[in-house]
Amino acid sequence: MKLSKAATPTRVFRILLVDDNRNGLLARKSVLEEHGYQVDPYSSPLEALTQFGEETYDLVVTDYRMPKMTGSELIAGIRAIRPTVPVVLISGVVDVLGLDEKTTGADVVVPKNSTEITHLIRAVQRLLDVHASRKPVNSAMTKNPRKRSAS
């Protein structure tokens, strides 16, 4: 028996995407949306950080080289607001600058190359699976409605 999509609701994850390069921003946004994610794109890391403080995101994808703020600086700002949100850093200078998870604060560092999209999608899926499994279950949903205390 095949279940209809209405019978199996799925959660739509929100991603904050940051890249000062308009073409890269639109291309990554399109790819992530094709995979079912809701994507809020920002070309300014300062605006993205402000938005991150006002909204709830499940994951952040950011470029490294941007004006006024590097990806590492953006990640530090994100961690100050919500330390557990997963972050993917993308850069064309990963090898040249020796960027990795330890030096950038990102959960995953993806080099810009011919396999970028494959690695990006895999990293996003893996991080969201792990992050979603760590979230505590809403206690109001697990309580027996017949055994409510009189408070």
N, C-alpha and C. Protein backbone atom coordinates (compact mmCIF):
# COMPACT_ATOMS: atom_id res chain seq x y z
N MET A 1 0.84 -1.16 0.00
CA MET A 1 0.00 0.00 0.00
C MET A 1 0.89 1.23 0.00
N LYS A 2 0.64 2.13 -0.93
CA LYS A 2 1.43 3.34 -1.05
C LYS A 2 0.75 4.48 -0.30
N LEU A 3 1.52 5.17 0.55
CA LEU A 3 0.97 6.29 1.30
C LEU A 3 1.02 7.55 0.46
N SER A 4 0.00 8.37 0.59
CA SER A 4 0.01 9.64 -0.12
C SER A 4 0.94 10.60 0.60
N LYS A 5 1.36 11.65 -0.09
CA LYS A 5 2.24 12.64 0.51
C LYS A 5 1.56 13.33 1.69
N ALA A 6 0.25 13.48 1.63
CA ALA A 6 -0.49 14.13 2.71
C ALA A 6 -0.44 13.29 3.98
N ALA A 7 -0.33 11.99 3.84
CA ALA A 7 -0.31 11.10 5.00
C ALA A 7 1.05 11.08 5.68
N THR A 8 2.09 11.52 4.98
CA THR A 8 3.43 11.51 5.56
C THR A 8 4.03 12.91 5.48
N PRO A 9 3.64 13.78 6.43
CA PRO A 9 4.17 15.14 6.39
C PRO A 9 5.67 15.15 6.66
N THR A 10 6.37 15.98 5.92
CA THR A 10 7.80 16.12 6.13
C THR A 10 8.11 17.56 6.52
N ARG A 11 9.11 17.69 7.31
CA ARG A 11 9.53 19.01 7.77
C ARG A 11 10.35 19.69 6.69
N VAL A 12 10.11 20.96 6.48
CA VAL A 12 10.91 21.74 5.55
C VAL A 12 11.95 22.50 6.37
N PHE A 13 13.21 22.23 6.09
CA PHE A 13 14.30 22.88 6.82
C PHE A 13 14.61 24.24 6.21
N ARG A 14 14.90 25.21 7.07
CA ARG A 14 15.26 26.56 6.64
C ARG A 14 16.77 26.71 6.64
N ILE A 15 17.28 27.23 5.53
CA ILE A 15 18.72 27.44 5.38
C ILE A 15 18.99 28.91 5.11
N LEU A 16 19.94 29.46 5.84
CA LEU A 16 20.44 30.81 5.58
C LEU A 16 21.66 30.65 4.68
N LEU A 17 21.60 31.24 3.50
CA LEU A 17 22.67 31.12 2.50
C LEU A 17 23.33 32.48 2.31
N VAL A 18 24.66 32.53 2.44
CA VAL A 18 25.38 33.79 2.37
C VAL A 18 26.53 33.69 1.37
N ASP A 19 26.50 34.58 0.36
CA ASP A 19 27.57 34.64 -0.63
C ASP A 19 27.49 36.00 -1.31
N ASP A 20 28.59 36.72 -1.37
CA ASP A 20 28.58 38.04 -2.00
C ASP A 20 28.53 37.95 -3.52
N ASN A 21 28.82 36.79 -4.08
CA ASN A 21 28.77 36.60 -5.52
C ASN A 21 27.35 36.22 -5.92
N ARG A 22 26.68 37.12 -6.66
CA ARG A 22 25.28 36.92 -7.01
C ARG A 22 25.03 35.61 -7.77
N ASN A 23 25.90 35.29 -8.72
CA ASN A 23 25.72 34.06 -9.49
C ASN A 23 25.85 32.82 -8.62
N GLY A 24 26.84 32.81 -7.74
CA GLY A 24 27.01 31.68 -6.82
C GLY A 24 25.85 31.56 -5.87
N LEU A 25 25.37 32.70 -5.38
CA LEU A 25 24.24 32.72 -4.46
C LEU A 25 23.00 32.13 -5.12
N LEU A 26 22.69 32.58 -6.32
CA LEU A 26 21.49 32.09 -7.02
C LEU A 26 21.61 30.63 -7.42
N ALA A 27 22.79 30.21 -7.82
CA ALA A 27 22.99 28.81 -8.22
C ALA A 27 22.82 27.87 -7.02
N ARG A 28 23.44 28.21 -5.89
CA ARG A 28 23.31 27.37 -4.70
C ARG A 28 21.89 27.39 -4.15
N LYS A 29 21.25 28.54 -4.19
CA LYS A 29 19.86 28.65 -3.75
C LYS A 29 18.99 27.72 -4.57
N SER A 30 19.16 27.74 -5.88
CA SER A 30 18.37 26.89 -6.77
C SER A 30 18.58 25.41 -6.47
N VAL A 31 19.82 25.00 -6.29
CA VAL A 31 20.14 23.60 -6.01
C VAL A 31 19.53 23.16 -4.68
N LEU A 32 19.67 23.99 -3.66
CA LEU A 32 19.13 23.64 -2.34
C LEU A 32 17.60 23.58 -2.37
N GLU A 33 16.98 24.51 -3.07
CA GLU A 33 15.52 24.49 -3.19
C GLU A 33 15.03 23.26 -3.97
N GLU A 34 15.78 22.84 -4.97
CA GLU A 34 15.44 21.61 -5.71
C GLU A 34 15.45 20.40 -4.80
N HIS A 35 16.22 20.46 -3.73
CA HIS A 35 16.28 19.36 -2.76
C HIS A 35 15.28 19.52 -1.62
N GLY A 36 14.40 20.52 -1.74
CA GLY A 36 13.31 20.66 -0.79
C GLY A 36 13.54 21.58 0.38
N TYR A 37 14.63 22.34 0.36
CA TYR A 37 14.91 23.24 1.47
C TYR A 37 14.35 24.63 1.20
N GLN A 38 13.98 25.33 2.26
CA GLN A 38 13.58 26.73 2.16
C GLN A 38 14.85 27.54 2.37
N VAL A 39 15.20 28.37 1.40
CA VAL A 39 16.47 29.08 1.42
C VAL A 39 16.26 30.59 1.45
N ASP A 40 16.91 31.25 2.41
CA ASP A 40 16.92 32.71 2.47
C ASP A 40 18.31 33.17 2.07
N PRO A 41 18.45 33.75 0.87
CA PRO A 41 19.78 34.16 0.39
C PRO A 41 20.13 35.59 0.79
N TYR A 42 21.40 35.79 1.14
CA TYR A 42 21.91 37.11 1.48
C TYR A 42 23.27 37.30 0.83
N SER A 43 23.47 38.46 0.22
CA SER A 43 24.78 38.77 -0.36
C SER A 43 25.67 39.52 0.63
N SER A 44 25.09 40.02 1.70
CA SER A 44 25.84 40.73 2.73
C SER A 44 25.90 39.89 4.01
N PRO A 45 27.11 39.57 4.48
CA PRO A 45 27.21 38.81 5.73
C PRO A 45 26.66 39.58 6.94
N LEU A 46 26.78 40.90 6.92
CA LEU A 46 26.25 41.70 8.03
C LEU A 46 24.73 41.61 8.09
N GLU A 47 24.08 41.72 6.93
CA GLU A 47 22.62 41.58 6.87
C GLU A 47 22.20 40.16 7.26
N ALA A 48 22.96 39.18 6.80
CA ALA A 48 22.65 37.79 7.11
C ALA A 48 22.73 37.53 8.62
N LEU A 49 23.73 38.10 9.27
CA LEU A 49 23.89 37.91 10.71
C LEU A 49 22.73 38.56 11.46
N THR A 50 22.31 39.73 11.02
CA THR A 50 21.15 40.39 11.63
C THR A 50 19.91 39.52 11.46
N GLN A 51 19.70 39.00 10.27
CA GLN A 51 18.55 38.13 10.00
C GLN A 51 18.61 36.87 10.84
N PHE A 52 19.80 36.31 10.99
CA PHE A 52 19.97 35.10 11.79
C PHE A 52 19.53 35.34 13.24
N GLY A 53 19.81 36.53 13.75
CA GLY A 53 19.41 36.86 15.10
C GLY A 53 17.91 37.05 15.27
N GLU A 54 17.21 37.32 14.16
CA GLU A 54 15.77 37.58 14.21
C GLU A 54 14.92 36.38 13.84
N GLU A 55 15.47 35.45 13.12
CA GLU A 55 14.72 34.29 12.62
C GLU A 55 15.36 32.99 13.12
N THR A 56 14.66 31.90 12.90
CA THR A 56 15.19 30.59 13.27
C THR A 56 15.58 29.83 12.00
N TYR A 57 16.82 29.41 11.96
CA TYR A 57 17.33 28.64 10.83
C TYR A 57 17.84 27.30 11.33
N ASP A 58 17.71 26.30 10.46
CA ASP A 58 18.18 24.96 10.79
C ASP A 58 19.64 24.76 10.41
N LEU A 59 20.13 25.58 9.47
CA LEU A 59 21.49 25.41 8.96
C LEU A 59 21.91 26.69 8.26
N VAL A 60 23.22 26.93 8.23
CA VAL A 60 23.78 28.08 7.51
C VAL A 60 24.81 27.57 6.52
N VAL A 61 24.77 28.11 5.30
CA VAL A 61 25.79 27.86 4.29
C VAL A 61 26.39 29.22 3.95
N THR A 62 27.70 29.35 4.09
CA THR A 62 28.35 30.63 3.83
C THR A 62 29.62 30.48 3.01
N ASP A 63 29.88 31.50 2.21
CA ASP A 63 31.14 31.62 1.49
C ASP A 63 32.19 32.09 2.50
N TYR A 64 33.46 31.97 2.13
CA TYR A 64 34.52 32.43 3.03
C TYR A 64 34.93 33.87 2.73
N ARG A 65 35.29 34.15 1.48
CA ARG A 65 35.77 35.48 1.12
C ARG A 65 34.61 36.39 0.76
N MET A 66 34.35 37.37 1.63
CA MET A 66 33.29 38.35 1.40
C MET A 66 33.76 39.69 1.94
N PRO A 67 33.23 40.79 1.39
CA PRO A 67 33.64 42.10 1.90
C PRO A 67 33.10 42.35 3.31
N LYS A 68 33.86 43.05 4.10
CA LYS A 68 33.52 43.49 5.46
C LYS A 68 33.50 42.39 6.51
N MET A 69 33.42 41.12 6.11
CA MET A 69 33.37 40.03 7.08
C MET A 69 33.69 38.72 6.36
N THR A 70 34.62 37.96 6.90
CA THR A 70 34.91 36.64 6.31
C THR A 70 33.87 35.63 6.78
N GLY A 71 33.86 34.49 6.14
CA GLY A 71 32.98 33.42 6.57
C GLY A 71 33.27 32.99 8.00
N SER A 72 34.53 32.98 8.40
CA SER A 72 34.90 32.61 9.77
C SER A 72 34.35 33.61 10.78
N GLU A 73 34.40 34.88 10.43
CA GLU A 73 33.85 35.91 11.31
C GLU A 73 32.33 35.79 11.42
N LEU A 74 31.70 35.49 10.30
CA LEU A 74 30.25 35.27 10.31
C LEU A 74 29.90 34.07 11.18
N ILE A 75 30.66 33.00 11.04
CA ILE A 75 30.43 31.80 11.85
C ILE A 75 30.57 32.12 13.34
N ALA A 76 31.56 32.91 13.70
CA ALA A 76 31.74 33.30 15.11
C ALA A 76 30.52 34.06 15.61
N GLY A 77 29.98 34.95 14.78
CA GLY A 77 28.77 35.69 15.15
C GLY A 77 27.57 34.78 15.29
N ILE A 78 27.46 33.82 14.40
CA ILE A 78 26.35 32.84 14.45
C ILE A 78 26.47 32.00 15.72
N ARG A 79 27.67 31.55 16.02
CA ARG A 79 27.89 30.71 17.21
C ARG A 79 27.58 31.49 18.50
N ALA A 80 27.78 32.81 18.47
CA ALA A 80 27.47 33.63 19.64
C ALA A 80 25.97 33.70 19.88
N ILE A 81 25.19 33.60 18.80
CA ILE A 81 23.73 33.66 18.91
C ILE A 81 23.14 32.28 19.17
N ARG A 82 23.51 31.31 18.36
CA ARG A 82 23.03 29.93 18.50
C ARG A 82 24.18 28.98 18.25
N PRO A 83 24.87 28.55 19.29
CA PRO A 83 26.10 27.76 19.14
C PRO A 83 25.92 26.41 18.45
N THR A 84 24.72 25.86 18.47
CA THR A 84 24.55 24.49 17.95
C THR A 84 24.08 24.42 16.51
N VAL A 85 23.79 25.56 15.89
CA VAL A 85 23.30 25.49 14.51
C VAL A 85 24.43 25.00 13.59
N PRO A 86 24.13 24.03 12.73
CA PRO A 86 25.17 23.52 11.82
C PRO A 86 25.54 24.56 10.76
N VAL A 87 26.83 24.61 10.41
CA VAL A 87 27.31 25.57 9.42
C VAL A 87 28.21 24.87 8.41
N VAL A 88 27.94 25.16 7.12
CA VAL A 88 28.79 24.69 6.03
C VAL A 88 29.49 25.91 5.45
N LEU A 89 30.81 25.85 5.34
CA LEU A 89 31.58 26.92 4.74
C LEU A 89 32.06 26.45 3.37
N ILE A 90 31.87 27.31 2.36
CA ILE A 90 32.30 27.00 1.01
C ILE A 90 33.37 28.02 0.61
N SER A 91 34.45 27.54 -0.01
CA SER A 91 35.50 28.47 -0.41
C SER A 91 36.32 27.94 -1.57
N GLY A 92 36.76 28.85 -2.39
CA GLY A 92 37.66 28.51 -3.48
C GLY A 92 39.11 28.52 -3.04
N VAL A 93 39.38 28.88 -1.80
CA VAL A 93 40.76 28.96 -1.30
C VAL A 93 41.00 28.02 -0.12
N VAL A 94 40.27 26.93 -0.07
CA VAL A 94 40.40 25.97 1.02
C VAL A 94 41.84 25.49 1.17
N ASP A 95 42.43 25.02 0.08
CA ASP A 95 43.79 24.49 0.14
C ASP A 95 44.83 25.58 0.33
N VAL A 96 44.66 26.69 -0.37
CA VAL A 96 45.64 27.79 -0.31
C VAL A 96 45.75 28.35 1.11
N LEU A 97 44.60 28.54 1.77
CA LEU A 97 44.61 29.11 3.12
C LEU A 97 44.58 28.06 4.22
N GLY A 98 44.49 26.79 3.85
CA GLY A 98 44.45 25.73 4.85
C GLY A 98 43.18 25.75 5.68
N LEU A 99 42.07 26.09 5.03
CA LEU A 99 40.79 26.17 5.75
C LEU A 99 40.28 24.77 6.06
N ASP A 100 39.86 24.59 7.30
CA ASP A 100 39.22 23.34 7.70
C ASP A 100 38.24 23.65 8.82
N GLU A 101 37.63 22.62 9.35
CA GLU A 101 36.62 22.80 10.38
C GLU A 101 37.21 23.44 11.64
N LYS A 102 38.42 23.07 11.98
CA LYS A 102 39.06 23.58 13.19
C LYS A 102 39.41 25.07 13.06
N THR A 103 39.91 25.48 11.90
CA THR A 103 40.36 26.87 11.74
C THR A 103 39.22 27.83 11.42
N THR A 104 38.08 27.33 10.97
CA THR A 104 36.99 28.22 10.56
C THR A 104 35.80 28.22 11.51
N GLY A 105 35.66 27.16 12.31
CA GLY A 105 34.49 27.04 13.18
C GLY A 105 33.30 26.39 12.50
N ALA A 106 33.44 26.06 11.22
CA ALA A 106 32.36 25.40 10.48
C ALA A 106 32.28 23.92 10.86
N ASP A 107 31.11 23.34 10.64
CA ASP A 107 30.96 21.90 10.84
C ASP A 107 31.52 21.13 9.66
N VAL A 108 31.41 21.72 8.47
CA VAL A 108 31.93 21.11 7.25
C VAL A 108 32.49 22.23 6.36
N VAL A 109 33.65 21.99 5.76
CA VAL A 109 34.23 22.91 4.80
C VAL A 109 34.22 22.23 3.44
N VAL A 110 33.64 22.92 2.45
CA VAL A 110 33.50 22.37 1.11
C VAL A 110 34.28 23.25 0.13
N PRO A 111 35.24 22.67 -0.60
CA PRO A 111 35.97 23.47 -1.59
C PRO A 111 35.10 23.72 -2.83
N LYS A 112 35.28 24.91 -3.41
CA LYS A 112 34.60 25.23 -4.67
C LYS A 112 35.39 24.55 -5.78
N ASN A 113 34.79 23.52 -6.35
CA ASN A 113 35.39 22.81 -7.47
C ASN A 113 34.29 22.04 -8.19
N SER A 114 34.67 21.14 -9.06
CA SER A 114 33.67 20.42 -9.86
C SER A 114 32.77 19.50 -9.05
N THR A 115 33.15 19.15 -7.82
CA THR A 115 32.33 18.27 -6.99
C THR A 115 31.63 19.04 -5.86
N GLU A 116 31.69 20.37 -5.90
CA GLU A 116 31.13 21.19 -4.83
C GLU A 116 29.67 20.87 -4.54
N ILE A 117 28.83 20.83 -5.56
CA ILE A 117 27.39 20.64 -5.35
C ILE A 117 27.11 19.30 -4.69
N THR A 118 27.76 18.25 -5.16
CA THR A 118 27.57 16.93 -4.56
C THR A 118 27.96 16.95 -3.08
N HIS A 119 29.12 17.53 -2.78
CA HIS A 119 29.58 17.59 -1.39
C HIS A 119 28.69 18.50 -0.54
N LEU A 120 28.23 19.59 -1.13
CA LEU A 120 27.35 20.50 -0.40
C LEU A 120 26.06 19.81 0.00
N ILE A 121 25.40 19.16 -0.94
CA ILE A 121 24.12 18.49 -0.67
C ILE A 121 24.32 17.38 0.36
N ARG A 122 25.36 16.59 0.21
CA ARG A 122 25.62 15.52 1.19
C ARG A 122 25.86 16.08 2.58
N ALA A 123 26.64 17.16 2.66
CA ALA A 123 26.94 17.77 3.97
C ALA A 123 25.66 18.32 4.60
N VAL A 124 24.86 19.01 3.81
CA VAL A 124 23.61 19.58 4.32
C VAL A 124 22.69 18.48 4.83
N GLN A 125 22.51 17.44 4.05
CA GLN A 125 21.64 16.33 4.46
C GLN A 125 22.15 15.67 5.74
N ARG A 126 23.44 15.41 5.80
CA ARG A 126 24.02 14.75 6.97
C ARG A 126 23.89 15.63 8.21
N LEU A 127 24.23 16.90 8.09
CA LEU A 127 24.16 17.79 9.25
C LEU A 127 22.73 17.99 9.73
N LEU A 128 21.79 18.09 8.82
CA LEU A 128 20.39 18.25 9.23
C LEU A 128 19.85 16.98 9.86
N ASP A 129 20.26 15.82 9.35
CA ASP A 129 19.84 14.55 9.97
C ASP A 129 20.35 14.45 11.40
N VAL A 130 21.62 14.77 11.61
CA VAL A 130 22.22 14.70 12.94
C VAL A 130 21.60 15.75 13.85
N HIS A 131 21.46 16.97 13.35
CA HIS A 131 20.92 18.07 14.16
C HIS A 131 19.47 17.78 14.55
N ALA A 132 18.67 17.29 13.61
CA ALA A 132 17.26 17.01 13.90
C ALA A 132 17.13 15.89 14.92
N SER A 133 18.02 14.90 14.88
CA SER A 133 17.93 13.79 15.83
C SER A 133 18.34 14.20 17.24
N ARG A 134 19.08 15.31 17.38
CA ARG A 134 19.50 15.79 18.69
C ARG A 134 18.48 16.68 19.36
N LYS A 135 17.54 17.22 18.59
CA LYS A 135 16.57 18.15 19.17
C LYS A 135 15.68 17.42 20.15
N PRO A 136 15.45 18.03 21.31
CA PRO A 136 14.59 17.38 22.30
C PRO A 136 13.15 17.34 21.83
N VAL A 137 12.47 16.29 22.21
CA VAL A 137 11.06 16.15 21.88
C VAL A 137 10.28 17.12 22.73
N ASN A 138 9.31 17.78 22.14
CA ASN A 138 8.48 18.73 22.87
C ASN A 138 7.72 17.97 23.96
N SER A 139 7.96 18.32 25.21
CA SER A 139 7.37 17.57 26.32
C SER A 139 5.85 17.66 26.33
N ALA A 140 5.30 18.74 25.82
CA ALA A 140 3.84 18.87 25.78
C ALA A 140 3.23 17.83 24.85
N MET A 141 3.98 17.43 23.85
CA MET A 141 3.45 16.45 22.90
C MET A 141 3.54 15.03 23.45
N THR A 142 4.42 14.80 24.41
CA THR A 142 4.60 13.44 24.91
C THR A 142 3.79 13.15 26.15
N LYS A 143 3.22 14.16 26.76
CA LYS A 143 2.45 13.94 27.98
C LYS A 143 1.09 13.36 27.64
N ASN A 144 0.59 12.53 28.53
CA ASN A 144 -0.75 11.96 28.37
C ASN A 144 -1.75 13.05 28.70
N PRO A 145 -2.61 13.43 27.74
CA PRO A 145 -3.53 14.53 27.98
C PRO A 145 -4.52 14.27 29.09
N ARG A 146 -4.76 13.00 29.45
CA ARG A 146 -5.69 12.66 30.53
C ARG A 146 -5.07 12.83 31.90
N LYS A 147 -3.74 12.89 31.97
CA LYS A 147 -3.05 12.96 33.26
C LYS A 147 -2.41 14.33 33.45
N ARG A 148 -3.11 15.37 33.15
CA ARG A 148 -2.58 16.72 33.35
C ARG A 148 -2.71 17.11 34.80
N SER A 149 -1.69 17.76 35.30
CA SER A 149 -1.73 18.21 36.68
C SER A 149 -2.54 19.50 36.77
N ALA A 150 -3.14 19.71 37.90
CA ALA A 150 -3.92 20.93 38.11
C ALA A 150 -2.98 21.99 38.65
N SER A 151 -2.45 22.83 37.76
CA SER A 151 -1.56 23.88 38.23
C SER A 151 -2.07 25.24 37.90
